[in-house]
Amino acid sequence: MRVLGRRNRQSKRIVGEILLGLQSVYEAMGRPSSGPREAIWWDGYVRRLASLRTRQLYHS
């Protein structure tokens, strides 16, 4: 049971690193300039990623 918990924590860290990489890629690409609605969606998406990451940091 303890081994399973450790593996779960490790996979959570891997998921966090993947999210971090995705966010940095998206920030490097920049916001889509197609329109204000897409920009609002983009900001919300990046903010959701950031909140997910901070939540993971607090729980680890």
PDB file of N, CA and C in Angstrom:
ATOM      1  N   MET A   1       0.831  -1.202   0.000  1.00  0.00           N
ATOM      2  CA  MET A   1       0.000   0.000   0.000  1.00  0.00           C
ATOM      3  C   MET A   1       0.870   1.259   0.000  1.00  0.00           C
ATOM      4  N   ARG A   2       1.959   1.229   0.781  1.00  0.00           N
ATOM      5  CA  ARG A   2       2.826   2.405   0.856  1.00  0.00           C
ATOM      6  C   ARG A   2       3.558   2.628  -0.466  1.00  0.00           C
ATOM      7  N   VAL A   3       3.924   1.527  -1.115  1.00  0.00           N
ATOM      8  CA  VAL A   3       4.601   1.636  -2.413  1.00  0.00           C
ATOM      9  C   VAL A   3       3.686   2.315  -3.424  1.00  0.00           C
ATOM     10  N   LEU A   4       2.404   1.942  -3.396  1.00  0.00           N
ATOM     11  CA  LEU A   4       1.434   2.522  -4.315  1.00  0.00           C
ATOM     12  C   LEU A   4       1.314   4.024  -4.085  1.00  0.00           C
ATOM     13  N   GLY A   5       1.315   4.441  -2.815  1.00  0.00           N
ATOM     14  CA  GLY A   5       1.243   5.867  -2.511  1.00  0.00           C
ATOM     15  C   GLY A   5       2.456   6.609  -3.034  1.00  0.00           C
ATOM     16  N   ARG A   6       3.634   5.992  -2.898  1.00  0.00           N
ATOM     17  CA  ARG A   6       4.845   6.642  -3.382  1.00  0.00           C
ATOM     18  C   ARG A   6       4.798   6.795  -4.896  1.00  0.00           C
ATOM     19  N   ARG A   7       4.330   5.732  -5.576  1.00  0.00           N
ATOM     20  CA  ARG A   7       4.247   5.797  -7.032  1.00  0.00           C
ATOM     21  C   ARG A   7       3.253   6.882  -7.451  1.00  0.00           C
ATOM     22  N   ASN A   8       2.161   6.996  -6.717  1.00  0.00           N
ATOM     23  CA  ASN A   8       1.156   8.008  -7.023  1.00  0.00           C
ATOM     24  C   ASN A   8       1.759   9.403  -6.887  1.00  0.00           C
ATOM     25  N   ARG A   9       2.527   9.622  -5.831  1.00  0.00           N
ATOM     26  CA  ARG A   9       3.153  10.924  -5.633  1.00  0.00           C
ATOM     27  C   ARG A   9       4.134  11.218  -6.768  1.00  0.00           C
ATOM     28  N   GLN A  10       4.862  10.188  -7.189  1.00  0.00           N
ATOM     29  CA  GLN A  10       5.828  10.374  -8.273  1.00  0.00           C
ATOM     30  C   GLN A  10       5.121  10.738  -9.574  1.00  0.00           C
ATOM     31  N   SER A  11       4.012  10.060  -9.871  1.00  0.00           N
ATOM     32  CA  SER A  11       3.294  10.359 -11.109  1.00  0.00           C
ATOM     33  C   SER A  11       2.690  11.756 -11.048  1.00  0.00           C
ATOM     34  N   LYS A  12       2.268  12.185  -9.842  1.00  0.00           N
ATOM     35  CA  LYS A  12       1.758  13.548  -9.701  1.00  0.00           C
ATOM     36  C   LYS A  12       2.846  14.559 -10.038  1.00  0.00           C
ATOM     37  N   ARG A  13       4.083  14.280  -9.576  1.00  0.00           N
ATOM     38  CA  ARG A  13       5.184  15.195  -9.860  1.00  0.00           C
ATOM     39  C   ARG A  13       5.463  15.230 -11.359  1.00  0.00           C
ATOM     40  N   ILE A  14       5.400  14.073 -12.004  1.00  0.00           N
ATOM     41  CA  ILE A  14       5.627  14.007 -13.452  1.00  0.00           C
ATOM     42  C   ILE A  14       4.566  14.812 -14.183  1.00  0.00           C
ATOM     43  N   VAL A  15       3.298  14.667 -13.753  1.00  0.00           N
ATOM     44  CA  VAL A  15       2.218  15.433 -14.372  1.00  0.00           C
ATOM     45  C   VAL A  15       2.463  16.920 -14.190  1.00  0.00           C
ATOM     46  N   GLY A  16       2.927  17.312 -13.002  1.00  0.00           N
ATOM     47  CA  GLY A  16       3.228  18.717 -12.750  1.00  0.00           C
ATOM     48  C   GLY A  16       4.315  19.230 -13.677  1.00  0.00           C
ATOM     49  N   GLU A  17       5.345  18.396 -13.896  1.00  0.00           N
ATOM     50  CA  GLU A  17       6.429  18.810 -14.790  1.00  0.00           C
ATOM     51  C   GLU A  17       5.935  18.936 -16.222  1.00  0.00           C
ATOM     52  N   ILE A  18       5.044  18.036 -16.626  1.00  0.00           N
ATOM     53  CA  ILE A  18       4.472  18.118 -17.976  1.00  0.00           C
ATOM     54  C   ILE A  18       3.672  19.404 -18.127  1.00  0.00           C
ATOM     55  N   LEU A  19       2.856  19.724 -17.099  1.00  0.00           N
ATOM     56  CA  LEU A  19       2.074  20.962 -17.129  1.00  0.00           C
ATOM     57  C   LEU A  19       2.997  22.169 -17.219  1.00  0.00           C
ATOM     58  N   LEU A  20       4.082  22.134 -16.443  1.00  0.00           N
ATOM     59  CA  LEU A  20       5.047  23.230 -16.466  1.00  0.00           C
ATOM     60  C   LEU A  20       5.615  23.399 -17.871  1.00  0.00           C
ATOM     61  N   GLY A  21       6.008  22.289 -18.490  1.00  0.00           N
ATOM     62  CA  GLY A  21       6.554  22.352 -19.838  1.00  0.00           C
ATOM     63  C   GLY A  21       5.546  22.889 -20.839  1.00  0.00           C
ATOM     64  N   LEU A  22       4.299  22.413 -20.736  1.00  0.00           N
ATOM     65  CA  LEU A  22       3.249  22.899 -21.635  1.00  0.00           C
ATOM     66  C   LEU A  22       3.052  24.396 -21.479  1.00  0.00           C
ATOM     67  N   GLN A  23       3.017  24.848 -20.220  1.00  0.00           N
ATOM     68  CA  GLN A  23       2.775  26.267 -19.988  1.00  0.00           C
ATOM     69  C   GLN A  23       3.910  27.109 -20.564  1.00  0.00           C
ATOM     70  N   SER A  24       5.158  26.652 -20.384  1.00  0.00           N
ATOM     71  CA  SER A  24       6.276  27.432 -20.912  1.00  0.00           C
ATOM     72  C   SER A  24       6.244  27.456 -22.442  1.00  0.00           C
ATOM     73  N   VAL A  25       5.836  26.338 -23.056  1.00  0.00           N
ATOM     74  CA  VAL A  25       5.720  26.304 -24.519  1.00  0.00           C
ATOM     75  C   VAL A  25       4.664  27.295 -24.986  1.00  0.00           C
ATOM     76  N   TYR A  26       3.503  27.283 -24.302  1.00  0.00           N
ATOM     77  CA  TYR A  26       2.421  28.190 -24.693  1.00  0.00           C
ATOM     78  C   TYR A  26       2.830  29.645 -24.501  1.00  0.00           C
ATOM     79  N   GLU A  27       3.549  29.932 -23.389  1.00  0.00           N
ATOM     80  CA  GLU A  27       3.969  31.306 -23.157  1.00  0.00           C
ATOM     81  C   GLU A  27       4.998  31.732 -24.195  1.00  0.00           C
ATOM     82  N   ALA A  28       5.853  30.785 -24.632  1.00  0.00           N
ATOM     83  CA  ALA A  28       6.835  31.117 -25.662  1.00  0.00           C
ATOM     84  C   ALA A  28       6.138  31.404 -26.994  1.00  0.00           C
ATOM     85  N   MET A  29       5.069  30.655 -27.281  1.00  0.00           N
ATOM     86  CA  MET A  29       4.332  30.886 -28.516  1.00  0.00           C
ATOM     87  C   MET A  29       3.575  32.209 -28.471  1.00  0.00           C
ATOM     88  N   GLY A  30       3.216  32.629 -27.280  1.00  0.00           N
ATOM     89  CA  GLY A  30       2.483  33.879 -27.152  1.00  0.00           C
ATOM     90  C   GLY A  30       0.991  33.663 -27.278  1.00  0.00           C
ATOM     91  N   ARG A  31       0.252  34.661 -26.878  1.00  0.00           N
ATOM     92  CA  ARG A  31      -1.201  34.555 -26.958  1.00  0.00           C
ATOM     93  C   ARG A  31      -1.655  34.601 -28.406  1.00  0.00           C
ATOM     94  N   PRO A  32      -2.722  33.874 -28.747  1.00  0.00           N
ATOM     95  CA  PRO A  32      -3.264  33.980 -30.103  1.00  0.00           C
ATOM     96  C   PRO A  32      -3.819  35.382 -30.344  1.00  0.00           C
ATOM     97  N   SER A  33      -3.540  35.925 -31.516  1.00  0.00           N
ATOM     98  CA  SER A  33      -3.942  37.305 -31.790  1.00  0.00           C
ATOM     99  C   SER A  33      -5.180  37.350 -32.680  1.00  0.00           C
ATOM    100  N   SER A  34      -5.953  36.253 -32.691  1.00  0.00           N
ATOM    101  CA  SER A  34      -7.094  36.196 -33.607  1.00  0.00           C
ATOM    102  C   SER A  34      -8.255  37.047 -33.120  1.00  0.00           C
ATOM    103  N   GLY A  35      -8.351  37.295 -31.821  1.00  0.00           N
ATOM    104  CA  GLY A  35      -9.455  38.122 -31.351  1.00  0.00           C
ATOM    105  C   GLY A  35      -9.512  38.188 -29.839  1.00  0.00           C
ATOM    106  N   PRO A  36     -10.302  39.098 -29.310  1.00  0.00           N
ATOM    107  CA  PRO A  36     -10.374  39.268 -27.852  1.00  0.00           C
ATOM    108  C   PRO A  36     -10.955  38.049 -27.141  1.00  0.00           C
ATOM    109  N   ARG A  37     -11.897  37.351 -27.798  1.00  0.00           N
ATOM    110  CA  ARG A  37     -12.484  36.183 -27.136  1.00  0.00           C
ATOM    111  C   ARG A  37     -11.428  35.093 -26.942  1.00  0.00           C
ATOM    112  N   GLU A  38     -10.603  34.878 -27.976  1.00  0.00           N
ATOM    113  CA  GLU A  38      -9.549  33.874 -27.856  1.00  0.00           C
ATOM    114  C   GLU A  38      -8.518  34.283 -26.812  1.00  0.00           C
ATOM    115  N   ALA A  39      -8.238  35.584 -26.745  1.00  0.00           N
ATOM    116  CA  ALA A  39      -7.259  36.050 -25.763  1.00  0.00           C
ATOM    117  C   ALA A  39      -7.776  35.828 -24.346  1.00  0.00           C
ATOM    118  N   ILE A  40      -9.067  36.091 -24.139  1.00  0.00           N
ATOM    119  CA  ILE A  40      -9.660  35.864 -22.814  1.00  0.00           C
ATOM    120  C   ILE A  40      -9.600  34.381 -22.469  1.00  0.00           C
ATOM    121  N   TRP A  41      -9.940  33.518 -23.452  1.00  0.00           N
ATOM    122  CA  TRP A  41      -9.877  32.081 -23.216  1.00  0.00           C
ATOM    123  C   TRP A  41      -8.447  31.655 -22.902  1.00  0.00           C
ATOM    124  N   TRP A  42      -7.502  32.230 -23.633  1.00  0.00           N
ATOM    125  CA  TRP A  42      -6.088  31.905 -23.454  1.00  0.00           C
ATOM    126  C   TRP A  42      -5.626  32.262 -22.051  1.00  0.00           C
ATOM    127  N   ASP A  43      -5.975  33.496 -21.600  1.00  0.00           N
ATOM    128  CA  ASP A  43      -5.601  33.922 -20.248  1.00  0.00           C
ATOM    129  C   ASP A  43      -6.195  32.979 -19.212  1.00  0.00           C
ATOM    130  N   GLY A  44      -7.464  32.607 -19.413  1.00  0.00           N
ATOM    131  CA  GLY A  44      -8.101  31.695 -18.472  1.00  0.00           C
ATOM    132  C   GLY A  44      -7.410  30.344 -18.444  1.00  0.00           C
ATOM    133  N   TYR A  45      -6.980  29.866 -19.616  1.00  0.00           N
ATOM    134  CA  TYR A  45      -6.322  28.571 -19.695  1.00  0.00           C
ATOM    135  C   TYR A  45      -4.986  28.593 -18.968  1.00  0.00           C
ATOM    136  N   VAL A  46      -4.193  29.641 -19.226  1.00  0.00           N
ATOM    137  CA  VAL A  46      -2.884  29.748 -18.577  1.00  0.00           C
ATOM    138  C   VAL A  46      -3.062  29.904 -17.069  1.00  0.00           C
ATOM    139  N   ARG A  47      -4.078  30.694 -16.673  1.00  0.00           N
ATOM    140  CA  ARG A  47      -4.322  30.883 -15.240  1.00  0.00           C
ATOM    141  C   ARG A  47      -4.732  29.563 -14.591  1.00  0.00           C
ATOM    142  N   ARG A  48      -5.527  28.756 -15.308  1.00  0.00           N
ATOM    143  CA  ARG A  48      -5.940  27.466 -14.756  1.00  0.00           C
ATOM    144  C   ARG A  48      -4.736  26.552 -14.591  1.00  0.00           C
ATOM    145  N   LEU A  49      -3.835  26.566 -15.576  1.00  0.00           N
ATOM    146  CA  LEU A  49      -2.615  25.768 -15.463  1.00  0.00           C
ATOM    147  C   LEU A  49      -1.801  26.198 -14.251  1.00  0.00           C
ATOM    148  N   ALA A  50      -1.665  27.513 -14.072  1.00  0.00           N
ATOM    149  CA  ALA A  50      -0.872  28.024 -12.958  1.00  0.00           C
ATOM    150  C   ALA A  50      -1.502  27.644 -11.624  1.00  0.00           C
ATOM    151  N   SER A  51      -2.831  27.720 -11.534  1.00  0.00           N
ATOM    152  CA  SER A  51      -3.482  27.378 -10.271  1.00  0.00           C
ATOM    153  C   SER A  51      -3.348  25.881  -9.992  1.00  0.00           C
ATOM    154  N   LEU A  52      -3.417  25.067 -11.044  1.00  0.00           N
ATOM    155  CA  LEU A  52      -3.199  23.633 -10.878  1.00  0.00           C
ATOM    156  C   LEU A  52      -1.805  23.375 -10.330  1.00  0.00           C
ATOM    157  N   ARG A  53      -0.821  24.085 -10.869  1.00  0.00           N
ATOM    158  CA  ARG A  53       0.559  23.873 -10.453  1.00  0.00           C
ATOM    159  C   ARG A  53       0.757  24.277  -9.000  1.00  0.00           C
ATOM    160  N   THR A  54       0.205  25.429  -8.601  1.00  0.00           N
ATOM    161  CA  THR A  54       0.382  25.864  -7.216  1.00  0.00           C
ATOM    162  C   THR A  54      -0.341  24.912  -6.272  1.00  0.00           C
ATOM    163  N   ARG A  55      -1.508  24.405  -6.690  1.00  0.00           N
ATOM    164  CA  ARG A  55      -2.225  23.457  -5.843  1.00  0.00           C
ATOM    165  C   ARG A  55      -1.383  22.206  -5.644  1.00  0.00           C
ATOM    166  N   GLN A  56      -0.712  21.746  -6.706  1.00  0.00           N
ATOM    167  CA  GLN A  56       0.142  20.567  -6.583  1.00  0.00           C
ATOM    168  C   GLN A  56       1.321  20.842  -5.660  1.00  0.00           C
ATOM    169  N   LEU A  57       1.883  22.044  -5.744  1.00  0.00           N
ATOM    170  CA  LEU A  57       3.012  22.386  -4.881  1.00  0.00           C
ATOM    171  C   LEU A  57       2.590  22.367  -3.420  1.00  0.00           C
ATOM    172  N   TYR A  58       1.393  22.871  -3.138  1.00  0.00           N
ATOM    173  CA  TYR A  58       0.935  22.889  -1.750  1.00  0.00           C
ATOM    174  C   TYR A  58       0.682  21.481  -1.233  1.00  0.00           C
ATOM    175  N   HIS A  59       0.180  20.589  -2.089  1.00  0.00           N
ATOM    176  CA  HIS A  59      -0.193  19.261  -1.615  1.00  0.00           C
ATOM    177  C   HIS A  59       0.991  18.312  -1.540  1.00  0.00           C
ATOM    178  N   SER A  60       2.075  18.601  -2.241  1.00  0.00           N
ATOM    179  CA  SER A  60       3.212  17.673  -2.238  1.00  0.00           C
ATOM    180  C   SER A  60       4.064  17.837  -0.991  1.00  0.00           C
TER     181      SER A  60
END
